[in-house]
Amino acid sequence: MTADNLKGTALTLADLVSYQDGSTVSREIVKQKTGTVTVFAFDAGQGLSEHTAPFDAMVHILDGEAAITVGGEQHAVAAGQAIIMPAGIPHALQAEKRFKMLLIMIRQ
């Protein structure tokens, strides 16, 4: 199913991506000039190294738990919880165990 085919459909976000051994899997479900919405599945040991973005981003954990560092402070963010990563502040994500997340980025 493409992103266009998802429009107007009730979705279970965690079902849009599957875990793959030793990998990070992503699926962009909304792409606009003003921002994107992407679902990710991280296998244990996978992550995103520290980086910054020019716009705010919000992560909502769909399954499992992530170690998310924002501005040097580490947070354990579990299923059902979200964290906002402000523009220009270094952040990183690490999967000590498998987790799935929804990433929402709003461009300014």
N, C-alpha and C. Protein backbone atom coordinates (compact mmCIF):
# COMPACT_ATOMS: atom_id res chain seq x y z
N MET A 1 0.84 -1.17 0.00
CA MET A 1 0.00 0.00 0.00
C MET A 1 0.89 1.24 0.00
N THR A 2 0.66 2.16 -0.93
CA THR A 2 1.42 3.41 -0.98
C THR A 2 0.83 4.42 -0.03
N ALA A 3 1.57 5.50 0.19
CA ALA A 3 1.09 6.55 1.09
C ALA A 3 -0.25 7.12 0.61
N ASP A 4 -0.40 7.27 -0.70
CA ASP A 4 -1.67 7.78 -1.23
C ASP A 4 -2.82 6.82 -0.94
N ASN A 5 -2.56 5.52 -0.95
CA ASN A 5 -3.61 4.54 -0.67
C ASN A 5 -4.02 4.53 0.80
N LEU A 6 -3.22 5.13 1.68
CA LEU A 6 -3.53 5.16 3.10
C LEU A 6 -4.54 6.24 3.46
N LYS A 7 -4.69 7.21 2.59
CA LYS A 7 -5.59 8.34 2.86
C LYS A 7 -7.02 7.85 3.01
N GLY A 8 -7.69 8.33 4.05
CA GLY A 8 -9.08 7.97 4.28
C GLY A 8 -9.27 6.58 4.83
N THR A 9 -8.18 5.96 5.32
CA THR A 9 -8.22 4.60 5.85
C THR A 9 -7.85 4.62 7.33
N ALA A 10 -8.58 3.87 8.15
CA ALA A 10 -8.20 3.72 9.56
C ALA A 10 -6.92 2.88 9.61
N LEU A 11 -5.94 3.36 10.34
CA LEU A 11 -4.62 2.72 10.37
C LEU A 11 -4.24 2.28 11.78
N THR A 12 -3.58 1.14 11.87
CA THR A 12 -2.87 0.76 13.07
C THR A 12 -1.41 1.03 12.73
N LEU A 13 -0.88 2.15 13.23
CA LEU A 13 0.43 2.63 12.80
C LEU A 13 1.54 1.60 12.99
N ALA A 14 1.54 0.89 14.10
CA ALA A 14 2.60 -0.09 14.37
C ALA A 14 2.61 -1.22 13.35
N ASP A 15 1.49 -1.45 12.68
CA ASP A 15 1.42 -2.53 11.68
C ASP A 15 1.96 -2.11 10.32
N LEU A 16 2.29 -0.83 10.14
CA LEU A 16 2.76 -0.35 8.84
C LEU A 16 4.22 -0.68 8.57
N VAL A 17 4.97 -1.05 9.61
CA VAL A 17 6.36 -1.47 9.44
C VAL A 17 6.58 -2.73 10.26
N SER A 18 7.49 -3.57 9.78
CA SER A 18 7.82 -4.82 10.47
C SER A 18 9.26 -4.76 10.95
N TYR A 19 9.52 -5.43 12.07
CA TYR A 19 10.89 -5.56 12.54
C TYR A 19 11.68 -6.44 11.58
N GLN A 20 12.95 -6.07 11.35
CA GLN A 20 13.86 -6.89 10.57
C GLN A 20 15.15 -7.01 11.36
N ASP A 21 15.65 -8.23 11.49
CA ASP A 21 16.86 -8.48 12.26
C ASP A 21 18.00 -7.58 11.82
N GLY A 22 18.61 -6.90 12.79
CA GLY A 22 19.78 -6.08 12.55
C GLY A 22 19.54 -4.84 11.71
N SER A 23 18.28 -4.40 11.60
CA SER A 23 17.96 -3.29 10.70
C SER A 23 17.03 -2.26 11.33
N THR A 24 16.99 -1.13 10.68
CA THR A 24 16.00 -0.10 10.93
C THR A 24 15.15 0.00 9.68
N VAL A 25 13.84 -0.08 9.85
CA VAL A 25 12.92 -0.02 8.72
C VAL A 25 12.07 1.24 8.88
N SER A 26 11.84 1.95 7.77
CA SER A 26 11.00 3.14 7.84
C SER A 26 10.00 3.15 6.69
N ARG A 27 8.90 3.86 6.94
CA ARG A 27 7.87 4.02 5.92
C ARG A 27 7.26 5.41 6.08
N GLU A 28 7.47 6.24 5.08
CA GLU A 28 6.91 7.59 5.08
C GLU A 28 5.43 7.49 4.72
N ILE A 29 4.57 8.05 5.57
CA ILE A 29 3.14 7.94 5.30
C ILE A 29 2.51 9.28 4.93
N VAL A 30 3.20 10.39 5.23
CA VAL A 30 2.77 11.71 4.78
C VAL A 30 4.03 12.48 4.39
N LYS A 31 3.98 13.09 3.20
CA LYS A 31 5.10 13.92 2.76
C LYS A 31 4.52 15.18 2.11
N GLN A 32 4.78 16.31 2.77
CA GLN A 32 4.31 17.59 2.29
C GLN A 32 5.45 18.60 2.42
N LYS A 33 5.33 19.74 1.76
CA LYS A 33 6.34 20.80 1.91
C LYS A 33 6.47 21.23 3.36
N THR A 34 5.38 21.16 4.11
CA THR A 34 5.36 21.63 5.49
C THR A 34 5.80 20.59 6.51
N GLY A 35 6.03 19.34 6.08
CA GLY A 35 6.50 18.34 7.02
C GLY A 35 6.25 16.92 6.56
N THR A 36 6.69 15.97 7.38
CA THR A 36 6.54 14.55 7.07
C THR A 36 6.09 13.79 8.31
N VAL A 37 5.49 12.63 8.05
CA VAL A 37 5.11 11.68 9.09
C VAL A 37 5.66 10.33 8.65
N THR A 38 6.49 9.73 9.48
CA THR A 38 7.17 8.48 9.13
C THR A 38 7.07 7.50 10.28
N VAL A 39 6.83 6.23 9.96
CA VAL A 39 6.81 5.16 10.96
C VAL A 39 8.13 4.39 10.84
N PHE A 40 8.75 4.09 11.98
CA PHE A 40 10.02 3.36 12.02
C PHE A 40 9.90 2.11 12.88
N ALA A 41 10.67 1.09 12.55
CA ALA A 41 10.86 -0.09 13.40
C ALA A 41 12.37 -0.29 13.56
N PHE A 42 12.84 -0.26 14.79
CA PHE A 42 14.26 -0.44 15.11
C PHE A 42 14.46 -1.78 15.77
N ASP A 43 15.38 -2.59 15.25
CA ASP A 43 15.75 -3.82 15.93
C ASP A 43 16.68 -3.46 17.08
N ALA A 44 16.81 -4.35 18.05
CA ALA A 44 17.70 -4.12 19.19
C ALA A 44 19.10 -3.80 18.69
N GLY A 45 19.70 -2.79 19.30
CA GLY A 45 21.05 -2.39 18.92
C GLY A 45 21.11 -1.35 17.82
N GLN A 46 19.99 -1.07 17.20
CA GLN A 46 19.94 -0.08 16.13
C GLN A 46 19.63 1.30 16.71
N GLY A 47 19.81 2.33 15.92
CA GLY A 47 19.49 3.66 16.39
C GLY A 47 19.81 4.72 15.36
N LEU A 48 19.67 5.95 15.78
CA LEU A 48 20.06 7.11 14.98
C LEU A 48 21.09 7.87 15.79
N SER A 49 22.27 8.09 15.19
CA SER A 49 23.33 8.78 15.91
C SER A 49 22.96 10.24 16.14
N GLU A 50 23.67 10.87 17.05
CA GLU A 50 23.36 12.25 17.41
C GLU A 50 23.42 13.16 16.19
N HIS A 51 22.39 13.98 16.06
CA HIS A 51 22.29 14.93 14.96
C HIS A 51 21.37 16.07 15.38
N THR A 52 21.28 17.09 14.56
CA THR A 52 20.34 18.17 14.77
C THR A 52 19.46 18.30 13.54
N ALA A 53 18.33 18.95 13.70
CA ALA A 53 17.43 19.23 12.58
C ALA A 53 17.06 20.71 12.65
N PRO A 54 16.78 21.30 11.50
CA PRO A 54 16.45 22.73 11.48
C PRO A 54 15.01 23.04 11.89
N PHE A 55 14.26 22.01 12.29
CA PHE A 55 12.86 22.20 12.67
C PHE A 55 12.51 21.21 13.78
N ASP A 56 11.44 21.50 14.51
CA ASP A 56 11.01 20.64 15.61
C ASP A 56 10.58 19.27 15.08
N ALA A 57 10.77 18.24 15.91
CA ALA A 57 10.33 16.89 15.58
C ALA A 57 9.72 16.28 16.83
N MET A 58 8.69 15.46 16.64
CA MET A 58 8.07 14.76 17.75
C MET A 58 8.11 13.27 17.46
N VAL A 59 8.52 12.50 18.47
CA VAL A 59 8.53 11.04 18.38
C VAL A 59 7.45 10.51 19.32
N HIS A 60 6.62 9.62 18.80
CA HIS A 60 5.60 8.93 19.60
C HIS A 60 5.94 7.45 19.53
N ILE A 61 6.21 6.82 20.67
CA ILE A 61 6.58 5.40 20.69
C ILE A 61 5.30 4.56 20.56
N LEU A 62 5.31 3.66 19.58
CA LEU A 62 4.16 2.81 19.29
C LEU A 62 4.26 1.44 19.94
N ASP A 63 5.50 0.95 20.09
CA ASP A 63 5.75 -0.39 20.63
C ASP A 63 7.13 -0.40 21.26
N GLY A 64 7.26 -0.99 22.42
CA GLY A 64 8.56 -1.11 23.07
C GLY A 64 8.95 0.16 23.80
N GLU A 65 10.25 0.37 23.91
CA GLU A 65 10.80 1.52 24.63
C GLU A 65 12.09 1.96 23.97
N ALA A 66 12.29 3.27 23.86
CA ALA A 66 13.48 3.83 23.24
C ALA A 66 14.27 4.64 24.25
N ALA A 67 15.59 4.63 24.09
CA ALA A 67 16.46 5.54 24.82
C ALA A 67 16.69 6.74 23.90
N ILE A 68 16.13 7.89 24.27
CA ILE A 68 16.21 9.08 23.42
C ILE A 68 16.96 10.15 24.19
N THR A 69 18.01 10.66 23.57
CA THR A 69 18.82 11.70 24.17
C THR A 69 18.51 13.02 23.48
N VAL A 70 18.17 14.03 24.27
CA VAL A 70 17.88 15.37 23.74
C VAL A 70 18.73 16.36 24.53
N GLY A 71 19.60 17.07 23.84
CA GLY A 71 20.43 18.06 24.52
C GLY A 71 21.29 17.47 25.62
N GLY A 72 21.76 16.24 25.42
CA GLY A 72 22.63 15.59 26.39
C GLY A 72 21.91 14.87 27.52
N GLU A 73 20.59 14.98 27.59
CA GLU A 73 19.81 14.32 28.64
C GLU A 73 19.08 13.10 28.07
N GLN A 74 19.32 11.93 28.68
CA GLN A 74 18.70 10.70 28.18
C GLN A 74 17.33 10.48 28.82
N HIS A 75 16.39 10.02 27.99
CA HIS A 75 15.02 9.74 28.42
C HIS A 75 14.64 8.33 27.98
N ALA A 76 13.99 7.59 28.87
CA ALA A 76 13.39 6.30 28.50
C ALA A 76 11.95 6.61 28.12
N VAL A 77 11.63 6.43 26.84
CA VAL A 77 10.30 6.76 26.33
C VAL A 77 9.63 5.46 25.90
N ALA A 78 8.49 5.15 26.53
CA ALA A 78 7.82 3.86 26.33
C ALA A 78 6.58 4.01 25.45
N ALA A 79 6.05 2.86 25.03
CA ALA A 79 4.84 2.83 24.19
C ALA A 79 3.76 3.71 24.80
N GLY A 80 3.17 4.54 23.96
CA GLY A 80 2.13 5.45 24.40
C GLY A 80 2.65 6.82 24.80
N GLN A 81 3.97 6.95 24.93
CA GLN A 81 4.57 8.23 25.31
C GLN A 81 5.19 8.91 24.09
N ALA A 82 5.39 10.23 24.22
CA ALA A 82 5.99 11.00 23.14
C ALA A 82 7.01 11.97 23.72
N ILE A 83 7.91 12.43 22.86
CA ILE A 83 8.90 13.44 23.25
C ILE A 83 9.10 14.38 22.07
N ILE A 84 9.27 15.66 22.38
CA ILE A 84 9.53 16.66 21.35
C ILE A 84 11.01 16.99 21.36
N MET A 85 11.60 16.96 20.17
CA MET A 85 13.00 17.28 20.00
C MET A 85 13.07 18.65 19.30
N PRO A 86 13.47 19.70 20.04
CA PRO A 86 13.45 21.05 19.48
C PRO A 86 14.47 21.25 18.35
N ALA A 87 14.12 22.13 17.45
CA ALA A 87 15.02 22.48 16.35
C ALA A 87 16.37 22.94 16.90
N GLY A 88 17.44 22.50 16.23
CA GLY A 88 18.78 22.94 16.57
C GLY A 88 19.40 22.30 17.79
N ILE A 89 18.68 21.44 18.50
CA ILE A 89 19.21 20.77 19.69
C ILE A 89 19.64 19.36 19.30
N PRO A 90 20.88 18.95 19.62
CA PRO A 90 21.32 17.60 19.27
C PRO A 90 20.44 16.54 19.94
N HIS A 91 20.14 15.49 19.17
CA HIS A 91 19.34 14.39 19.71
C HIS A 91 19.77 13.08 19.04
N ALA A 92 19.48 11.97 19.72
CA ALA A 92 19.84 10.64 19.23
C ALA A 92 18.82 9.64 19.76
N LEU A 93 18.69 8.49 19.07
CA LEU A 93 17.77 7.43 19.49
C LEU A 93 18.52 6.11 19.50
N GLN A 94 18.24 5.27 20.49
CA GLN A 94 18.89 3.97 20.60
C GLN A 94 17.88 2.93 21.03
N ALA A 95 17.94 1.77 20.38
CA ALA A 95 17.05 0.65 20.71
C ALA A 95 17.82 -0.36 21.54
N GLU A 96 17.61 -0.34 22.86
CA GLU A 96 18.20 -1.39 23.69
C GLU A 96 17.43 -2.68 23.46
N LYS A 97 16.14 -2.56 23.20
CA LYS A 97 15.27 -3.64 22.74
C LYS A 97 14.53 -3.08 21.54
N ARG A 98 13.88 -3.94 20.78
CA ARG A 98 13.12 -3.48 19.61
C ARG A 98 12.08 -2.44 20.00
N PHE A 99 11.90 -1.45 19.12
CA PHE A 99 10.80 -0.50 19.31
C PHE A 99 10.35 0.05 17.96
N LYS A 100 9.10 0.53 17.96
CA LYS A 100 8.53 1.21 16.80
C LYS A 100 8.12 2.60 17.22
N MET A 101 8.25 3.54 16.27
CA MET A 101 7.91 4.92 16.59
C MET A 101 7.29 5.61 15.39
N LEU A 102 6.55 6.66 15.70
CA LEU A 102 6.01 7.58 14.70
C LEU A 102 6.80 8.86 14.84
N LEU A 103 7.39 9.34 13.74
CA LEU A 103 8.15 10.58 13.74
C LEU A 103 7.38 11.62 12.94
N ILE A 104 7.10 12.74 13.59
CA ILE A 104 6.39 13.84 12.95
C ILE A 104 7.34 15.03 12.90
N MET A 105 7.64 15.51 11.71
CA MET A 105 8.53 16.66 11.53
C MET A 105 7.74 17.78 10.87
N ILE A 106 7.77 18.95 11.50
CA ILE A 106 7.07 20.12 10.98
C ILE A 106 8.12 21.13 10.55
N ARG A 107 8.09 21.48 9.29
CA ARG A 107 9.05 22.45 8.78
C ARG A 107 8.53 23.87 9.02
N GLN A 108 9.48 24.78 9.21
CA GLN A 108 9.10 26.18 9.45
C GLN A 108 9.41 27.02 8.26
